[in-house]
């Protein structure tokens, strides 16, 4: 589905990714783990066309490296950034409307689906998004992206700064995506949630993939955890 080969990425003259190779298969949840500065966010931005890259990024067999972000989104890749880019002066419902798939057949997700998964959003659907809590804004960003009906959703640090109860809701949300056939590429620091819901894990360090395997293999690899994950 998504195949990345020998991906290099740059911020100006700064060389951030050094030959990243990875893949996400249909209906699969894959976690990308690593410390801050390891290159995880740069990798998803490069996939989304937001960072200059070299190498190959193929989506359903088509090369998408070098395409604009809106073109990549139209092909079925959704991206939830870490900074929760909501529209603060629009209501919760209006934010969701902006994400809604336009034209062609109807998407697999409805407003009722979003409000069922996150009842707090239903309670605040007529509230301006800018006054929501950080956790509520994270819920809204996730749901707005999903309203575009992507086949793959890339989510950057969805549980950062959230209360434990909201983290559990996010985990349930990601499992629901899998049940509906949506692939997930999850950038996450919290090993607990990543190892609980993922089929496979990648660990990044210094802009390279330093580990690929199942959650069970990562749990049993004390060297990788100590060298590249634990503080």
Protein backbone atom coordinates (compact mmCIF):
# COMPACT_ATOMS: atom_id res chain seq x y z
CA UNK A 1 0.00 0.00 0.00
CA UNK A 2 2.59 2.56 1.15
CA UNK A 3 6.17 1.70 0.23
CA UNK A 4 9.10 3.95 1.09
CA UNK A 5 12.57 3.18 -0.20
CA UNK A 6 15.84 4.96 0.53
CA UNK A 7 14.11 8.18 1.59
CA UNK A 8 16.30 11.18 2.34
CA UNK A 9 14.80 14.45 3.56
CA UNK A 10 16.16 17.92 4.14
CA UNK A 11 15.40 21.19 5.87
CA UNK A 12 17.41 23.55 3.74
CA UNK A 13 20.98 22.25 3.96
CA UNK A 14 20.21 20.11 7.02
CA UNK A 15 20.10 16.41 6.07
CA UNK A 16 17.51 14.85 8.43
CA UNK A 17 16.51 11.46 6.97
CA UNK A 18 19.24 9.10 5.80
CA UNK A 19 17.87 6.34 3.58
CA UNK A 20 14.63 5.36 5.35
CA UNK A 21 12.95 2.23 4.00
CA UNK A 22 9.60 1.05 5.39
CA UNK A 23 6.07 0.06 4.41
CA UNK A 24 2.48 0.05 5.64
CA UNK A 25 0.17 -2.72 4.42
CA UNK A 26 -3.62 -2.49 3.94
CA UNK A 27 -5.57 -2.47 7.22
CA UNK A 28 -2.40 -2.46 9.31
CA UNK A 29 -1.44 -0.33 12.31
CA UNK A 30 2.28 0.47 12.25
CA UNK A 31 4.03 2.51 14.95
CA UNK A 32 7.08 4.68 14.38
CA UNK A 33 8.94 5.04 17.66
CA UNK A 34 11.98 6.99 18.77
CA UNK A 35 13.19 9.87 20.86
CA UNK A 36 12.55 13.51 20.02
CA UNK A 37 14.73 14.55 17.11
CA UNK A 38 15.04 11.04 15.69
CA UNK A 39 13.32 11.98 12.41
CA UNK A 40 9.86 10.48 12.91
CA UNK A 41 7.85 13.67 12.28
CA UNK A 42 10.06 14.54 9.32
CA UNK A 43 9.30 11.14 7.80
CA UNK A 44 5.53 11.62 7.86
CA UNK A 45 5.88 15.20 6.60
CA UNK A 46 7.98 13.93 3.70
CA UNK A 47 5.32 11.32 2.88
CA UNK A 48 2.71 14.12 2.91
CA UNK A 49 4.76 16.32 0.60
CA UNK A 50 5.54 18.93 3.25
CA UNK A 51 9.31 18.38 3.30
CA UNK A 52 11.73 18.08 0.39
CA UNK A 53 12.81 14.49 -0.16
CA UNK A 54 14.81 12.18 -2.38
CA UNK A 55 14.27 8.46 -2.95
CA UNK A 56 10.92 6.78 -3.52
CA UNK A 57 7.49 6.99 -1.90
CA UNK A 58 4.92 4.79 -3.63
CA UNK A 59 1.22 4.82 -2.76
CA UNK A 60 -0.83 1.96 -4.24
CA UNK A 61 1.88 1.52 -6.83
CA UNK A 62 2.09 5.21 -7.83
CA UNK A 63 5.12 7.37 -7.14
CA UNK A 64 4.00 10.36 -5.06
CA UNK A 65 7.32 11.87 -4.02
CA UNK A 66 7.40 15.45 -5.27
CA UNK A 67 3.62 15.88 -5.43
CA UNK A 68 1.81 18.63 -3.54
CA UNK A 69 0.20 17.85 -0.20
CA UNK A 70 -3.35 18.40 -1.52
CA UNK A 71 -2.70 15.92 -4.34
CA UNK A 72 -1.50 13.32 -1.85
CA UNK A 73 -4.54 13.93 0.36
CA UNK A 74 -6.88 13.49 -2.62
CA UNK A 75 -5.29 10.09 -3.25
CA UNK A 76 -6.38 8.88 0.18
CA UNK A 77 -3.66 9.73 2.71
CA UNK A 78 -4.72 11.69 5.80
CA UNK A 79 -2.33 13.49 8.15
CA UNK A 80 -2.93 14.58 11.74
CA UNK A 81 -0.11 16.92 12.78
CA UNK A 82 1.20 17.19 16.31
CA UNK A 83 0.24 20.86 16.64
CA UNK A 84 -3.55 20.26 16.29
CA UNK A 85 -4.31 22.62 13.40
CA UNK A 86 -7.95 23.38 14.16
CA UNK A 87 -9.81 26.47 12.92
CA UNK A 88 -10.32 28.31 16.23
CA UNK A 89 -13.14 30.67 15.18
CA UNK A 90 -15.24 27.89 13.63
CA UNK A 91 -17.43 25.59 15.67
CA UNK A 92 -16.64 21.94 16.22
CA UNK A 93 -19.24 20.94 13.63
CA UNK A 94 -17.95 23.46 11.09
CA UNK A 95 -14.42 22.09 11.53
CA UNK A 96 -15.73 18.61 10.79
CA UNK A 97 -17.59 19.90 7.74
CA UNK A 98 -14.33 21.28 6.32
CA UNK A 99 -12.83 17.81 6.48
CA UNK A 100 -15.81 16.10 4.85
CA UNK A 101 -15.16 14.24 1.60
CA UNK A 102 -16.55 16.12 -1.40
CA UNK A 103 -17.79 14.74 -4.70
CA UNK A 104 -18.07 11.14 -5.80
CA UNK A 105 -19.36 8.44 -3.51
CA UNK A 106 -20.04 9.10 0.14
CA UNK A 107 -17.26 8.37 2.62
CA UNK A 108 -17.39 5.56 5.13
CA UNK A 109 -17.54 7.97 8.09
CA UNK A 110 -20.38 10.23 9.22
CA UNK A 111 -20.81 13.01 11.76
CA UNK A 112 -22.70 10.50 13.93
CA UNK A 113 -19.65 8.21 13.87
CA UNK A 114 -17.44 11.04 15.14
CA UNK A 115 -19.86 12.00 17.89
CA UNK A 116 -20.33 8.38 18.91
CA UNK A 117 -16.58 7.80 19.27
CA UNK A 118 -16.06 11.10 21.08
CA UNK A 119 -19.27 12.11 22.91
CA UNK A 120 -17.56 15.24 24.24
CA UNK A 121 -17.44 16.62 20.70
CA UNK A 122 -21.18 16.11 20.35
CA UNK A 123 -21.74 18.06 23.56
CA UNK A 124 -19.64 20.91 22.19
CA UNK A 125 -20.53 20.73 18.50
CA UNK A 126 -21.76 24.36 18.45
CA UNK A 127 -18.78 25.68 20.46
CA UNK A 128 -15.90 27.55 18.82
CA UNK A 129 -12.97 25.17 18.52
CA UNK A 130 -10.51 27.71 19.93
CA UNK A 131 -11.95 27.41 23.44
CA UNK A 132 -11.72 23.60 23.57
CA UNK A 133 -9.22 21.91 25.86
CA UNK A 134 -6.08 20.40 24.36
CA UNK A 135 -7.59 16.93 24.53
CA UNK A 136 -10.79 18.07 22.84
CA UNK A 137 -8.82 19.78 20.09
CA UNK A 138 -6.88 16.56 19.54
CA UNK A 139 -10.15 14.63 19.21
CA UNK A 140 -11.42 17.22 16.73
CA UNK A 141 -8.28 17.10 14.59
CA UNK A 142 -8.43 13.30 14.43
CA UNK A 143 -12.09 13.33 13.46
CA UNK A 144 -11.76 16.13 10.90
CA UNK A 145 -9.04 14.19 9.09
CA UNK A 146 -11.11 11.03 9.16
CA UNK A 147 -14.10 12.82 7.59
CA UNK A 148 -12.02 12.97 4.39
CA UNK A 149 -12.27 9.16 4.25
CA UNK A 150 -8.55 8.34 3.93
CA UNK A 151 -7.33 4.79 3.34
CA UNK A 152 -4.22 5.60 5.39
CA UNK A 153 -4.08 8.04 8.27
CA UNK A 154 -0.74 9.24 9.66
CA UNK A 155 -1.00 10.54 13.22
CA UNK A 156 1.83 12.43 14.91
CA UNK A 157 1.92 12.09 18.73
CA UNK A 158 -1.86 11.85 19.29
CA UNK A 159 -1.57 11.23 23.04
CA UNK A 160 0.92 14.02 23.83
CA UNK A 161 -0.27 15.94 26.91
CA UNK A 162 -3.56 14.06 27.19
CA UNK A 163 -5.14 12.70 30.37
CA UNK A 164 -5.04 8.89 30.76
CA UNK A 165 -8.78 8.58 30.11
CA UNK A 166 -8.47 10.45 26.81
CA UNK A 167 -5.46 8.32 25.86
CA UNK A 168 -7.67 5.25 26.25
CA UNK A 169 -10.27 6.87 23.98
CA UNK A 170 -7.63 7.55 21.34
CA UNK A 171 -6.47 3.91 21.51
CA UNK A 172 -10.06 2.73 21.00
CA UNK A 173 -10.40 5.18 18.10
CA UNK A 174 -7.34 3.71 16.38
CA UNK A 175 -8.66 0.18 16.83
CA UNK A 176 -11.95 1.30 15.26
CA UNK A 177 -10.04 2.57 12.24
CA UNK A 178 -8.48 -0.84 11.77
CA UNK A 179 -11.86 -2.54 12.06
CA UNK A 180 -13.10 -0.33 9.22
CA UNK A 181 -10.14 -1.12 7.01
CA UNK A 182 -8.13 2.09 7.48
CA UNK A 183 -4.36 1.71 7.75
CA UNK A 184 -2.60 3.72 10.46
CA UNK A 185 0.96 5.04 10.69
CA UNK A 186 1.33 6.15 14.29
CA UNK A 187 4.17 8.39 15.49
CA UNK A 188 4.26 7.89 19.23
CA UNK A 189 6.57 8.08 22.22
CA UNK A 190 4.39 6.12 24.64
CA UNK A 191 5.44 2.50 24.24
CA UNK A 192 2.37 1.21 26.07
CA UNK A 193 -0.22 2.31 23.52
CA UNK A 194 2.04 1.63 20.52
CA UNK A 195 2.83 -1.94 21.56
CA UNK A 196 -0.80 -2.62 22.49
CA UNK A 197 -2.38 -1.75 19.14
CA UNK A 198 0.35 -2.20 16.50
CA UNK A 199 1.07 -5.15 14.23
CA UNK A 200 4.59 -3.90 13.54
CA UNK A 201 6.95 -1.25 14.91
CA UNK A 202 9.77 0.77 13.46
CA UNK A 203 12.30 2.50 15.71
CA UNK A 204 14.12 5.53 14.36
CA UNK A 205 17.40 7.02 15.49
CA UNK A 206 19.44 9.81 13.92
CA UNK A 207 17.23 9.76 10.81
CA UNK A 208 17.56 6.03 10.18
CA UNK A 209 15.49 2.92 10.86
CA UNK A 210 17.36 1.04 13.60
CA UNK A 211 14.72 -1.63 14.28
CA UNK A 212 11.79 -3.26 12.51
CA UNK A 213 9.70 -6.00 14.08
CA UNK A 214 6.61 -7.01 16.01
CA UNK A 215 5.70 -5.55 19.40
CA UNK A 216 6.73 -8.85 20.97
CA UNK A 217 10.17 -8.65 19.35
CA UNK A 218 10.62 -5.09 20.55
CA UNK A 219 9.60 -5.98 24.10
CA UNK A 220 12.24 -8.71 24.16
CA UNK A 221 15.00 -6.54 22.66
CA UNK A 222 16.41 -4.75 25.68
CA UNK A 223 19.33 -3.30 23.70
CA UNK A 224 17.12 -1.40 21.23
CA UNK A 225 14.85 -0.12 23.99
CA UNK A 226 17.77 1.09 26.10
CA UNK A 227 19.82 2.52 23.24
CA UNK A 228 17.06 4.25 21.24
CA UNK A 229 13.90 4.60 23.34
CA UNK A 230 14.41 4.80 27.07
CA UNK A 231 15.33 8.10 28.68
